[in-house]
Amino acid sequence: MNYRTDKEGIQLAKKKNEHVIKEVYPGSIAEEMEIEPGDVLLSINNEEIGDVFDYRYLIKDEYVEAVIRKPDGEEWLLEIDKEYDDDLGLEFENSLMSDYRSCSNKCIFCFIDQMPPGMRETLYFKDDDSRLSFLQGNYITLTNMKERDIERIIRMQLAPINISIQTTNPELRCKMLHNRFAGETLKYMQMLYDGHVEMNGQVVCCKGVNDGEELVRTLDDLAGFLPFLRSVSVVPAGITKYRDGLFPIGLFTAGEAGEVIDLIESRQQGYYEEYGLHFIHASDEWYITAGRDFPEEERYDGYIQLENGVGMMRLFINEFNEAFEALLGSPEYETLAETLDRTLTIATGKLTGPTIRGFAEQLMRAFPRLRIHVYDIRNDFFGETITVSGLVTGQDLIRQLKERKEAGEDLGGALHIPSNMLRVGEQVFLDDVTVQDVERELNMRVVPVEPGGNEFIQAILDKEYNMERDNGNFVYIQAYDRGGEA
């Protein structure tokens, strides 16, 4: 990597878009060039940088010229020879490098419209930004995009683009999104397909609206976008108790959930034989509601829609079984079985409670002096219809476990919770209750545990387990755009 730094104060025209650098990654090209946090990126290749798409596109070259302004006003022109795909190693104060685009729809299933009043302002912001789809995997509706936006995605080959489709019936899509342009924007999928841009899709299924024959139509239509549309997940809408004045949406019964599964599974083998993809996937909630076993790992196509609730439980089960078998066969097992003596509590959502309870029973049989209490936390905050762990609040956790303690139950000294109960990188629940609040109220150490079967076992066996130390940052899967099932 070669570069030239001109510290004589190269003065270029003032650019409209300036981007403050938040972090410089250790060992990166930027660090070698002596770029520091607080510096400002003015241009690349003498081009103004409108947003993160421009930035990513412009740095994809073997030769790049970047203009940086230092805090004292001095401007450096940096000439960089690098590998084509090498990143500069910069993170900016604004990750999008421009303003966020808010959602222009009023979807009949929108989770944010079902939020209680009085929560922090950021929880009520509806994003529908294509750049977040590219960067963070968010699903977008395409309704606030223009043809020029799609053409830029095609030109820059930004992929994958995750699209919240709901239905391929234009009139019904307008109704579901409460946006008269929602049907028309489906044409952008054809443009992306013609431009060979990889896509993933989701269908938020609302009972009596886009299920049944409408779902059949949607799945058959979407198959026409294979192979560039790599996957489509079908997920049930999340319903809270705060729906006064909103479109009436019912819950699916076990039988109805089974019908959705049967429809999807009847098509998967045909897609696989032709394209090598099972393509259409039912989210875990359908299988739990229907009381059915999860599909085998091979049918998830490498867990392509894991963060949308597709295959999470299968992956968790497989990881646990593998780690548990390795543990029983390890030379340390016999000693650990004799010495491990602890009582702890695991709190989770009702959706995953039965699976977690089964894991706990296996561990207690293997370790006779280990006592694990597993409690499914009832979601009083949003309503009992919300059963995922990612939407359990601190106040529900405190109140329900306090009741257990007051009833004389020994919960032990540690409370294990899945890390997705907490905000990204913070020890704060969705309702702004902190981990420290829970620890104080329950007189227990709260242990956030990274998702995964191996981490689940590790946290139980290691009294000093610390997720931030052992496994990196907190993980939070945000999925408000599909009804809050995280």
Protein backbone atom coordinates (compact mmCIF):
# COMPACT_ATOMS: atom_id res chain seq x y z
CA MET A 1 0.00 0.00 0.00
CA ASN A 2 1.52 3.29 -1.13
CA TYR A 3 0.27 6.75 -0.33
CA ARG A 4 1.40 10.35 -0.31
CA THR A 5 0.43 12.79 2.41
CA ASP A 6 0.60 16.48 1.45
CA LYS A 7 0.68 18.45 4.71
CA GLU A 8 1.25 21.79 3.03
CA GLY A 9 -2.44 22.50 3.15
CA ILE A 10 -3.99 21.45 -0.14
CA GLN A 11 -7.06 23.63 -0.49
CA LEU A 12 -9.95 22.16 -2.43
CA ALA A 13 -13.40 23.62 -2.88
CA LYS A 14 -15.61 23.30 0.19
CA LYS A 15 -17.83 20.24 -0.21
CA LYS A 16 -21.46 20.23 0.73
CA ASN A 17 -21.36 16.79 2.37
CA GLU A 18 -18.74 16.35 5.06
CA HIS A 19 -18.47 13.23 7.19
CA VAL A 20 -16.97 13.16 10.68
CA ILE A 21 -14.90 10.08 11.40
CA LYS A 22 -15.90 8.29 14.59
CA GLU A 23 -13.44 5.41 14.63
CA VAL A 24 -10.31 4.23 12.82
CA TYR A 25 -9.85 0.47 12.88
CA PRO A 26 -6.49 -0.79 14.21
CA GLY A 27 -4.15 -2.03 11.51
CA SER A 28 -6.25 -0.47 8.75
CA ILE A 29 -5.17 1.62 5.79
CA ALA A 30 -6.69 4.66 7.50
CA GLU A 31 -4.55 4.16 10.61
CA GLU A 32 -1.44 3.85 8.48
CA MET A 33 -2.35 7.15 6.82
CA GLU A 34 -2.56 8.79 10.28
CA ILE A 35 -6.28 9.48 9.98
CA GLU A 36 -7.76 9.96 13.44
CA PRO A 37 -11.23 10.14 15.05
CA GLY A 38 -12.56 13.67 14.67
CA ASP A 39 -11.07 14.12 11.21
CA VAL A 40 -13.52 14.91 8.41
CA LEU A 41 -13.76 13.08 5.08
CA LEU A 42 -14.44 15.64 2.34
CA SER A 43 -14.24 13.69 -0.90
CA ILE A 44 -13.03 10.55 -2.66
CA ASN A 45 -11.63 10.76 -6.18
CA ASN A 46 -12.79 14.38 -6.21
CA GLU A 47 -16.40 13.16 -5.89
CA GLU A 48 -18.83 14.42 -3.29
CA ILE A 49 -20.02 11.66 -0.97
CA GLY A 50 -23.78 11.80 -0.60
CA ASP A 51 -24.22 8.74 1.57
CA VAL A 52 -22.74 5.39 2.50
CA PHE A 53 -23.64 3.90 -0.89
CA ASP A 54 -21.44 6.51 -2.62
CA TYR A 55 -18.65 5.88 -0.13
CA ARG A 56 -18.66 2.10 -0.56
CA TYR A 57 -18.81 2.43 -4.33
CA LEU A 58 -16.02 5.01 -4.60
CA ILE A 59 -13.50 3.12 -2.43
CA LYS A 60 -13.84 -0.04 -4.56
CA ASP A 61 -10.79 0.58 -6.70
CA GLU A 62 -7.07 -0.11 -6.74
CA TYR A 63 -6.26 3.59 -6.62
CA VAL A 64 -8.16 6.06 -4.47
CA GLU A 65 -7.63 9.74 -3.68
CA ALA A 66 -9.18 10.88 -0.42
CA VAL A 67 -9.29 14.39 1.00
CA ILE A 68 -9.30 14.62 4.81
CA ARG A 69 -9.64 17.79 6.90
CA LYS A 70 -7.89 17.86 10.25
CA PRO A 71 -9.37 19.62 13.32
CA ASP A 72 -7.00 22.57 12.77
CA GLY A 73 -8.46 23.10 9.28
CA GLU A 74 -5.52 21.63 7.36
CA GLU A 75 -6.54 19.43 4.44
CA TRP A 76 -4.63 16.32 3.42
CA LEU A 77 -4.77 14.72 -0.01
CA LEU A 78 -4.09 11.01 0.41
CA GLU A 79 -3.16 8.89 -2.62
CA ILE A 80 -3.76 5.20 -1.95
CA ASP A 81 -2.73 2.11 -3.91
CA LYS A 82 -4.55 -0.92 -2.52
CA GLU A 83 -6.32 -4.14 -3.38
CA TYR A 84 -9.63 -3.56 -5.18
CA ASP A 85 -11.87 -4.71 -2.32
CA ASP A 86 -9.74 -3.44 0.58
CA ASP A 87 -11.67 -1.29 3.04
CA LEU A 88 -10.13 1.92 4.37
CA GLY A 89 -11.08 1.03 7.94
CA LEU A 90 -13.28 4.00 8.84
CA GLU A 91 -16.47 4.32 10.84
CA PHE A 92 -18.44 7.57 10.71
CA GLU A 93 -20.50 9.47 13.28
CA ASN A 94 -23.52 8.92 11.03
CA SER A 95 -23.42 5.33 9.76
CA LEU A 96 -25.58 6.19 6.74
CA MET A 97 -23.59 9.37 6.07
CA SER A 98 -26.92 11.16 5.49
CA ASP A 99 -30.35 11.49 7.08
CA TYR A 100 -32.45 8.40 7.69
CA ARG A 101 -35.48 7.88 5.48
CA SER A 102 -38.65 7.33 7.44
CA CYS A 103 -41.45 5.01 6.37
CA SER A 104 -44.23 6.48 4.24
CA ASN A 105 -46.65 3.61 4.90
CA LYS A 106 -49.17 2.84 7.59
CA CYS A 107 -49.15 -0.94 7.45
CA ILE A 108 -52.10 -2.71 9.02
CA PHE A 109 -49.69 -4.93 11.00
CA CYS A 110 -47.10 -2.29 11.96
CA PHE A 111 -45.62 -3.11 15.36
CA ILE A 112 -44.71 0.50 16.11
CA ASP A 113 -48.38 1.51 15.82
CA GLN A 114 -49.03 -1.08 18.54
CA MET A 115 -46.52 0.39 21.00
CA PRO A 116 -47.73 1.77 24.31
CA PRO A 117 -47.44 5.53 24.89
CA GLY A 118 -44.70 7.12 26.96
CA MET A 119 -41.68 5.18 25.70
CA ARG A 120 -38.49 6.79 24.43
CA GLU A 121 -38.88 8.69 21.17
CA THR A 122 -36.51 6.53 19.12
CA LEU A 123 -38.81 3.52 19.51
CA TYR A 124 -41.52 5.29 17.52
CA PHE A 125 -39.32 6.03 14.49
CA LYS A 126 -40.32 4.01 11.42
CA ASP A 127 -37.43 3.43 9.06
CA ASP A 128 -37.79 2.22 5.49
CA ASP A 129 -34.31 2.98 4.20
CA SER A 130 -32.73 0.93 1.43
CA ARG A 131 -29.28 1.65 2.83
CA LEU A 132 -30.19 -0.09 6.09
CA SER A 133 -31.22 -3.10 4.03
CA PHE A 134 -27.74 -3.23 2.54
CA LEU A 135 -25.88 -2.48 5.78
CA GLN A 136 -27.95 -4.12 8.51
CA GLY A 137 -30.31 -6.51 6.76
CA ASN A 138 -33.47 -4.47 7.40
CA TYR A 139 -36.47 -5.19 5.19
CA ILE A 140 -37.79 -2.33 3.06
CA THR A 141 -41.06 -1.88 1.17
CA LEU A 142 -39.63 0.06 -1.84
CA THR A 143 -42.44 2.63 -1.48
CA ASN A 144 -40.21 5.64 -0.81
CA MET A 145 -37.83 4.84 -3.66
CA LYS A 146 -37.69 6.19 -7.20
CA GLU A 147 -36.44 4.55 -10.37
CA ARG A 148 -33.17 6.45 -10.04
CA ASP A 149 -32.63 4.83 -6.61
CA ILE A 150 -33.12 1.38 -8.10
CA GLU A 151 -30.84 2.22 -11.02
CA ARG A 152 -28.12 3.29 -8.56
CA ILE A 153 -28.43 -0.01 -6.67
CA ILE A 154 -28.10 -1.89 -9.95
CA ARG A 155 -25.17 0.23 -11.12
CA MET A 156 -23.32 -0.23 -7.82
CA GLN A 157 -24.45 -3.88 -7.53
CA LEU A 158 -25.42 -3.38 -3.90
CA ALA A 159 -26.67 -6.64 -2.53
CA PRO A 160 -28.48 -8.29 -1.00
CA ILE A 161 -31.54 -6.06 -0.88
CA ASN A 162 -34.17 -7.30 1.56
CA ILE A 163 -37.75 -6.54 0.53
CA SER A 164 -40.89 -6.63 2.64
CA ILE A 165 -43.38 -7.80 0.01
CA GLN A 166 -46.55 -8.97 1.87
CA THR A 167 -48.41 -9.73 -1.37
CA THR A 168 -47.95 -9.56 -5.13
CA ASN A 169 -51.58 -8.47 -5.56
CA PRO A 170 -51.14 -4.73 -6.26
CA GLU A 171 -54.55 -3.69 -4.90
CA LEU A 172 -54.16 -5.76 -1.76
CA ARG A 173 -50.64 -4.41 -1.19
CA CYS A 174 -52.00 -0.85 -1.34
CA LYS A 175 -54.55 -1.82 1.30
CA MET A 176 -52.08 -3.59 3.57
CA LEU A 177 -49.51 -0.79 3.44
CA HIS A 178 -52.17 1.94 3.34
CA ASN A 179 -50.21 3.52 0.50
CA ARG A 180 -51.73 4.08 -2.95
CA PHE A 181 -48.32 3.63 -4.60
CA ALA A 182 -47.49 0.33 -2.88
CA GLY A 183 -48.75 -1.83 -5.74
CA GLU A 184 -46.95 0.16 -8.40
CA THR A 185 -43.56 -0.14 -6.68
CA LEU A 186 -43.60 -3.92 -7.09
CA LYS A 187 -42.20 -3.21 -10.57
CA TYR A 188 -38.88 -2.38 -8.91
CA MET A 189 -38.42 -6.07 -8.13
CA GLN A 190 -38.46 -6.76 -11.86
CA MET A 191 -35.85 -4.05 -12.39
CA LEU A 192 -33.64 -5.56 -9.69
CA TYR A 193 -34.12 -9.01 -11.22
CA ASP A 194 -33.20 -7.74 -14.69
CA GLY A 195 -30.16 -6.06 -13.14
CA HIS A 196 -29.07 -9.37 -11.53
CA VAL A 197 -29.23 -7.90 -8.01
CA GLU A 198 -29.54 -10.49 -5.23
CA MET A 199 -32.70 -10.10 -3.15
CA ASN A 200 -34.41 -11.69 -0.15
CA GLY A 201 -38.10 -11.28 0.58
CA GLN A 202 -40.54 -11.57 3.43
CA VAL A 203 -44.29 -11.91 3.68
CA VAL A 204 -45.90 -10.77 6.93
CA CYS A 205 -48.97 -12.97 6.99
CA CYS A 206 -52.19 -11.47 8.37
CA LYS A 207 -55.07 -13.83 9.04
CA GLY A 208 -57.92 -13.36 6.60
CA VAL A 209 -55.97 -10.80 4.54
CA ASN A 210 -53.00 -12.19 2.62
CA ASP A 211 -53.14 -15.84 3.63
CA GLY A 212 -54.97 -18.69 1.88
CA GLU A 213 -55.34 -18.21 -1.89
CA GLU A 214 -53.62 -14.83 -1.73
CA LEU A 215 -50.56 -16.47 -0.20
CA VAL A 216 -50.64 -19.13 -2.94
CA ARG A 217 -50.67 -16.38 -5.57
CA THR A 218 -47.83 -14.51 -3.88
CA LEU A 219 -45.55 -17.53 -3.57
CA ASP A 220 -46.15 -18.59 -7.17
CA ASP A 221 -45.50 -15.06 -8.45
CA LEU A 222 -42.30 -14.70 -6.43
CA ALA A 223 -40.92 -17.95 -7.81
CA GLY A 224 -40.59 -16.09 -11.10
CA PHE A 225 -37.78 -14.01 -9.58
CA LEU A 226 -35.56 -17.02 -8.90
CA PRO A 227 -32.59 -17.30 -8.73
CA PHE A 228 -31.88 -13.63 -7.94
CA LEU A 229 -34.59 -13.63 -5.29
CA ARG A 230 -32.74 -16.09 -3.08
CA SER A 231 -35.28 -16.62 -0.31
CA VAL A 232 -38.70 -15.64 0.94
CA SER A 233 -39.77 -15.99 4.57
CA VAL A 234 -43.39 -16.17 5.63
CA VAL A 235 -43.93 -14.87 9.16
CA PRO A 236 -47.08 -14.26 11.22
CA ALA A 237 -47.84 -10.68 12.21
CA GLY A 238 -47.06 -9.81 15.82
CA ILE A 239 -50.14 -8.63 17.70
CA THR A 240 -49.94 -6.58 20.92
CA LYS A 241 -52.75 -5.49 23.23
CA TYR A 242 -52.47 -1.89 21.98
CA ARG A 243 -54.60 -2.19 18.83
CA ASP A 244 -57.54 0.08 19.62
CA GLY A 245 -58.66 1.76 16.42
CA LEU A 246 -56.35 -0.35 14.23
CA PHE A 247 -57.23 -2.86 11.54
CA PRO A 248 -58.56 -6.06 13.17
CA ILE A 249 -56.07 -8.92 12.87
CA GLY A 250 -56.61 -12.30 14.51
CA LEU A 251 -54.17 -14.94 15.71
CA PHE A 252 -53.57 -18.11 13.75
CA THR A 253 -54.75 -21.37 15.32
CA ALA A 254 -52.61 -24.51 15.41
CA GLY A 255 -54.54 -25.92 12.45
CA GLU A 256 -54.17 -22.75 10.40
CA ALA A 257 -50.45 -22.61 11.15
CA GLY A 258 -50.20 -26.19 9.91
CA GLU A 259 -51.91 -25.22 6.66
CA VAL A 260 -49.32 -22.48 6.06
CA ILE A 261 -46.50 -24.95 6.72
CA ASP A 262 -48.03 -27.52 4.36
CA LEU A 263 -48.36 -24.92 1.59
CA ILE A 264 -44.72 -23.89 1.92
CA GLU A 265 -43.28 -27.36 2.28
CA SER A 266 -45.25 -28.64 -0.73
CA ARG A 267 -43.21 -26.30 -2.95
CA GLN A 268 -39.74 -26.50 -1.42
CA GLN A 269 -38.52 -29.71 -3.07
CA GLY A 270 -39.48 -28.54 -6.54
CA TYR A 271 -37.57 -25.28 -6.12
CA TYR A 272 -34.57 -27.18 -4.76
CA GLU A 273 -34.46 -29.58 -7.68
CA GLU A 274 -34.49 -26.74 -10.21
CA TYR A 275 -32.46 -24.03 -8.45
CA GLY A 276 -30.63 -25.69 -5.56
CA LEU A 277 -32.64 -23.56 -3.12
CA HIS A 278 -35.67 -24.41 -1.00
CA PHE A 279 -36.55 -20.72 -1.49
CA ILE A 280 -39.75 -20.38 0.60
CA HIS A 281 -39.38 -20.73 4.37
CA ALA A 282 -41.82 -20.70 7.26
CA SER A 283 -40.57 -18.90 10.36
CA ASP A 284 -40.16 -20.80 13.62
CA GLU A 285 -43.40 -19.40 15.07
CA TRP A 286 -45.49 -21.44 12.62
CA TYR A 287 -43.94 -24.73 13.75
CA ILE A 288 -44.28 -23.88 17.43
CA THR A 289 -47.90 -22.78 17.01
CA ALA A 290 -48.71 -25.93 15.00
CA GLY A 291 -46.90 -28.16 17.49
CA ARG A 292 -44.62 -29.59 14.79
CA ASP A 293 -40.95 -30.46 14.72
CA PHE A 294 -38.65 -27.97 13.02
CA PRO A 295 -37.31 -28.89 9.56
CA GLU A 296 -33.91 -30.52 9.25
CA GLU A 297 -30.95 -28.18 8.88
CA GLU A 298 -30.51 -28.78 5.15
CA ARG A 299 -33.86 -27.20 4.32
CA TYR A 300 -32.79 -23.79 5.64
CA ASP A 301 -30.31 -23.20 2.77
CA GLY A 302 -27.50 -22.21 5.10
CA TYR A 303 -29.85 -20.25 7.40
CA ILE A 304 -30.20 -17.50 4.83
CA GLN A 305 -33.03 -15.83 6.80
CA LEU A 306 -31.85 -16.58 10.33
CA GLU A 307 -32.27 -13.02 11.58
CA ASN A 308 -35.87 -13.04 10.39
CA GLY A 309 -36.74 -15.88 12.75
CA VAL A 310 -36.27 -18.67 10.20
CA GLY A 311 -34.27 -21.61 11.57
CA MET A 312 -33.17 -20.04 14.84
CA MET A 313 -34.55 -22.91 16.88
CA ARG A 314 -33.14 -25.63 14.59
CA LEU A 315 -29.71 -24.03 14.74
CA PHE A 316 -29.95 -23.65 18.51
CA ILE A 317 -31.01 -27.30 18.95
CA ASN A 318 -28.25 -28.61 16.69
CA GLU A 319 -25.60 -26.47 18.40
CA PHE A 320 -26.75 -27.60 21.84
CA ASN A 321 -26.78 -31.29 20.89
CA GLU A 322 -23.32 -31.07 19.36
CA ALA A 323 -21.86 -29.20 22.33
CA PHE A 324 -23.60 -31.50 24.83
CA GLU A 325 -22.24 -34.66 23.18
CA ALA A 326 -18.74 -33.15 23.11
CA LEU A 327 -19.06 -32.27 26.79
CA LEU A 328 -20.09 -35.79 27.81
CA GLY A 329 -17.15 -37.21 25.87
CA SER A 330 -14.57 -34.80 27.26
CA PRO A 331 -11.94 -35.90 29.84
CA GLU A 332 -13.14 -33.13 32.18
CA TYR A 333 -16.72 -34.38 32.34
CA GLU A 334 -16.43 -36.81 35.27
CA THR A 335 -14.67 -34.29 37.50
CA LEU A 336 -17.10 -31.54 36.54
CA ALA A 337 -20.09 -33.80 37.21
CA GLU A 338 -18.84 -34.35 40.75
CA THR A 339 -17.92 -30.75 41.54
CA LEU A 340 -20.52 -28.59 39.75
CA ASP A 341 -22.94 -27.45 42.45
CA ARG A 342 -25.07 -24.42 41.69
CA THR A 343 -28.62 -23.16 41.39
CA LEU A 344 -29.55 -20.69 38.68
CA THR A 345 -32.58 -19.33 36.86
CA ILE A 346 -33.16 -18.91 33.13
CA ALA A 347 -35.79 -16.42 31.95
CA THR A 348 -37.04 -16.58 28.39
CA GLY A 349 -40.11 -15.90 26.27
CA LYS A 350 -43.00 -18.34 26.06
CA LEU A 351 -42.12 -19.22 22.47
CA THR A 352 -38.78 -20.83 23.34
CA GLY A 353 -39.64 -21.95 26.88
CA PRO A 354 -40.33 -25.64 26.12
CA THR A 355 -37.07 -26.05 24.18
CA ILE A 356 -35.00 -24.33 26.88
CA ARG A 357 -36.68 -26.43 29.55
CA GLY A 358 -35.74 -29.61 27.67
CA PHE A 359 -32.10 -28.50 27.48
CA ALA A 360 -32.07 -27.73 31.21
CA GLU A 361 -33.41 -31.19 32.03
CA GLN A 362 -30.66 -32.83 29.99
CA LEU A 363 -27.99 -30.84 31.80
CA MET A 364 -29.45 -31.60 35.22
CA ARG A 365 -29.45 -35.33 34.45
CA ALA A 366 -25.79 -35.07 33.44
CA PHE A 367 -24.87 -32.98 36.51
CA PRO A 368 -26.77 -34.26 39.56
CA ARG A 369 -25.99 -31.23 41.76
CA LEU A 370 -27.03 -28.68 39.15
CA ARG A 371 -30.44 -27.05 39.63
CA ILE A 372 -31.91 -24.94 36.82
CA HIS A 373 -35.23 -23.13 36.97
CA VAL A 374 -36.65 -22.11 33.58
CA TYR A 375 -39.41 -19.50 33.60
CA ASP A 376 -41.38 -18.36 30.58
CA ILE A 377 -41.95 -14.66 31.18
CA ARG A 378 -45.50 -13.65 30.37
CA ASN A 379 -45.51 -10.42 28.36
CA ASP A 380 -47.84 -8.20 30.36
CA PHE A 381 -46.25 -5.09 28.86
CA PHE A 382 -47.26 -5.76 25.23
CA GLY A 383 -49.84 -8.45 25.89
CA GLU A 384 -49.73 -12.22 26.19
CA THR A 385 -49.89 -12.67 22.42
CA ILE A 386 -46.27 -11.50 22.25
CA THR A 387 -44.21 -14.54 23.16
CA VAL A 388 -40.65 -13.87 21.93
CA SER A 389 -37.77 -13.29 24.33
CA GLY A 390 -36.56 -10.18 22.47
CA LEU A 391 -39.63 -8.23 23.60
CA VAL A 392 -39.57 -9.21 27.28
CA THR A 393 -39.29 -6.07 29.41
CA GLY A 394 -37.38 -5.50 32.60
CA GLN A 395 -40.50 -4.69 34.60
CA ASP A 396 -42.21 -7.95 33.64
CA LEU A 397 -39.04 -9.83 34.51
CA ILE A 398 -38.79 -8.22 37.94
CA ARG A 399 -42.43 -8.59 38.88
CA GLN A 400 -42.87 -12.22 37.88
CA LEU A 401 -39.61 -13.46 39.38
CA LYS A 402 -40.26 -11.52 42.57
CA GLU A 403 -43.52 -13.44 42.89
CA ARG A 404 -41.54 -16.67 42.61
CA LYS A 405 -39.11 -15.61 45.31
CA GLU A 406 -41.91 -14.46 47.61
CA ALA A 407 -43.53 -17.87 47.16
CA GLY A 408 -40.39 -19.40 48.65
CA GLU A 409 -38.67 -20.64 45.50
CA ASP A 410 -34.86 -20.67 45.52
CA LEU A 411 -33.86 -18.99 42.26
CA GLY A 412 -30.14 -19.16 42.97
CA GLY A 413 -27.67 -16.36 42.62
CA ALA A 414 -27.64 -15.94 38.84
CA LEU A 415 -30.37 -15.01 36.37
CA HIS A 416 -29.55 -15.97 32.78
CA ILE A 417 -31.32 -14.05 30.02
CA PRO A 418 -30.90 -14.17 26.23
CA SER A 419 -28.90 -11.16 25.11
CA ASN A 420 -31.61 -10.03 22.70
CA MET A 421 -33.64 -8.79 25.65
CA LEU A 422 -31.19 -5.86 25.78
CA ARG A 423 -30.56 -2.86 23.55
CA VAL A 424 -27.54 -3.04 21.26
CA GLY A 425 -24.31 -2.68 23.21
CA GLU A 426 -26.11 -1.59 26.40
CA GLN A 427 -27.42 -3.18 29.57
CA VAL A 428 -30.91 -1.74 29.12
CA PHE A 429 -34.21 -3.48 28.41
CA LEU A 430 -36.81 -2.24 25.93
CA ASP A 431 -38.70 -0.38 28.69
CA ASP A 432 -35.51 1.43 29.86
CA VAL A 433 -35.18 -0.76 32.96
CA THR A 434 -31.47 -1.52 33.37
CA VAL A 435 -29.67 -4.75 34.19
CA GLN A 436 -28.57 -3.07 37.41
CA ASP A 437 -32.22 -2.37 38.30
CA VAL A 438 -33.06 -6.05 37.89
CA GLU A 439 -30.04 -7.13 39.92
CA ARG A 440 -30.96 -4.76 42.73
CA GLU A 441 -34.63 -5.75 42.83
CA LEU A 442 -34.02 -9.50 42.68
CA ASN A 443 -30.67 -9.63 44.49
CA MET A 444 -29.28 -11.79 41.68
CA ARG A 445 -26.48 -11.43 39.16
CA VAL A 446 -27.95 -10.97 35.67
CA VAL A 447 -26.05 -12.89 33.00
CA PRO A 448 -26.87 -12.00 29.37
CA VAL A 449 -26.05 -15.01 27.20
CA GLU A 450 -25.09 -14.92 23.55
CA PRO A 451 -27.45 -16.86 21.24
CA GLY A 452 -26.27 -20.39 20.50
CA GLY A 453 -26.28 -23.84 22.03
CA ASN A 454 -22.61 -23.83 22.93
CA GLU A 455 -22.89 -20.48 24.69
CA PHE A 456 -25.97 -21.72 26.55
CA ILE A 457 -23.98 -24.62 28.03
CA GLN A 458 -20.87 -22.52 28.64
CA ALA A 459 -22.80 -19.95 30.67
CA ILE A 460 -24.34 -22.65 32.88
CA LEU A 461 -21.07 -24.46 33.56
CA ASP A 462 -18.94 -21.35 34.10
CA LYS A 463 -19.96 -19.28 37.13
CA GLU A 464 -17.76 -16.45 35.87
CA TYR A 465 -19.25 -16.42 32.37
CA ASN A 466 -19.29 -12.94 30.88
CA MET A 467 -20.69 -12.53 27.41
CA GLU A 468 -18.83 -9.32 26.63
CA ARG A 469 -15.56 -10.90 27.64
CA ASP A 470 -16.05 -14.29 26.00
CA ASN A 471 -18.26 -13.73 23.00
CA GLY A 472 -18.11 -10.13 21.85
CA ASN A 473 -20.85 -7.53 21.76
CA PHE A 474 -24.50 -7.86 22.62
CA VAL A 475 -26.76 -9.04 19.83
CA TYR A 476 -30.17 -7.52 19.25
CA ILE A 477 -32.35 -8.60 16.35
CA GLN A 478 -34.68 -5.81 15.44
CA ALA A 479 -37.63 -6.86 13.39
CA TYR A 480 -40.30 -4.26 13.94
CA ASP A 481 -40.96 -4.16 10.19
CA ARG A 482 -42.42 -7.65 10.28
CA GLY A 483 -44.51 -7.30 13.38
CA GLY A 484 -41.99 -7.35 16.19
CA GLU A 485 -41.16 -11.05 16.27
CA ALA A 486 -37.50 -10.90 17.13
